[in-house]
Amino acid sequence: MSSHGEGGAHKLWGGRFAGGPAPELEAVNRSIGTDIRLWPFDIVLSKAWAAALSSAGVLSAAEAKAVQQGLDRVGARIEQGEQPIASDEDVHTFVDRLLHEEAAEPAGRLHTGRSRNDQVATGSRLWAMDACGRVDAMVRDLQRALLTQADAHVETLMPAYTHLQRAQPVSVAHWLLSHFWPLERDRARIAGARSAAAVLPLGSGAIAGSAFAVPRDQLRDALGFERISENSIDAVGDRDFVAELLFALTMLGTHLSRLAEDLILFGSSEFGFVRFSDAFSTGSSMMPQKRNPDALELARGSAARLLGDLVGLLGTIKGLPSGYNKDLQEDKRNLFDAVDAVTLLLPAIAGSVATLTINADRTRAAVSSAMMATDLADYLVRKRVTFRDAHAAVGRLVREAEDKGIEMIDLPLESFAAASSAFDGDVMRELAPETSVSHREIPGGTGLNAVRAQLEAAHTCLLDDQVIGGG
């Protein structure tokens, strides 16, 4: 391995070149400003590689130990603030340079049988697996905040909306849980993305596989991978796992945006269903009365940014020939940006949800008797009126109430009798939202017992033994 070029610069390549690269090439080729974040994983995988080289007879036990201890000292130096120098092209060069300072001659043997191609693929997968665990824990925190609010508002009623028009009454807990379950699907996608990342590429070399009999099963187990890559050409060029994680994060961002939109609307003066805490609100530099839900608005805006990261990655990989290509250096920009975005947003959104106050009086007052129109039709159906005729009869009552400017519950019984002879004196009970909710005890419905069962199922999802990645 060539380690020192012109001017004493430490490089992992260059022996076949008469001179150094042009400054303009170095500027665009240098990736350490981005991939420096892989350093803990580069050290971990390098320690595992040293052990594998020892098992293959390339390193003696003493040399492997010297390299591993040197890598530990490198990690300590970086943790304490050691910075790259101008000649450190990427994180691998940075770590390798420091390792030569710490372990001397045995360090020159570490790169035997491996390439930066399988090295960066391995480090990126380890980083992605770790990120999945971190994001999952944050999603769980948001789910807990939603459940805490839902536990307190099973019997609180509010309008549910279709087309942003009042539709039918539901439990506030039922509405809150409508945001819990998309997050649970997000957790499943994140777990799937972690599993997709958990394929070991190390041992694939540059493209054809290592020429040394390194025990890949030993590497797999030491690094916490689930499987070993089947094909070395595919292994060094595969970034499907990045795309899968970016898709999972994009869907998560979409769900956060929809939750944020609901809360922004419901927190407006026109709705007044929720009030945001001072800790998770901002003010206006001009208007003293303002209480702005900035974290929620940023969540709504960030969904587009996450989509951009996904599309950017797909655009990068769609036309690449097989094997490793330098284009893949760009994948980490998309990956890191997306993970950064959601790990900033999730705690702020969880805090916004945990500290908001739900105004039960406002939500209940927003439930008008016209919202029980479907219940009136169902009432007639129970009396053997066809739903088509029931729909027409109730539509007539809705129109009459609108023409008179009153609530349906204020119509005289004569109006109901004129609309359908099947209406009896007990019809007014059907115009109570509590009655409407009580009819919907089907699993998944907004009946209060059904909601309590749903809450129990939601709490079960957050049992400690279901954390992805083991913690």
Foldseek 3Di string as FASTA:
>chain_A
DDQADPPRQGDPDDPVPPDDDDPVCLVVQAQAVQQVVLQVVLLLLLLLLLVLCCVLVLDPPVLSVLLNVLSVVLVVVVVVPDDDDSSQRHNNSRSLVSSCVRRPPSSVSSCAQADVLLSVLRSVLLVLLVLLLLLLVLLLLLLVLLLVVLVVFLPQKFFDDDVNDGAAIFTPSLVSVVLNVLSLVLNVLSLVLNLVSLERLTQLHQANGGPTPGDVVSSSVSSVGDYYDDHSQCSSLDPVSLLSNLVSLLSVLVSLLVVLVVCQVCCDPVQVFKDWDPVQWDADPPDRVDTHRVLSVLSNVCSVVSVVLNVVVCVLNVPDDIGDDSSCSCNSVSSVVSSVSSSVNSVSSSNRSNGMDGDSVSRQVNRALLSLLVLQLVLVVVVVDDSVLSNQLSVQLVVVCVVVVHTSLPDDVVSSCVSDVPDDPCSSVSSDSLNVLCVFLDQSGRNSVNSVVVSVVSVVCSPPCNRRPRD
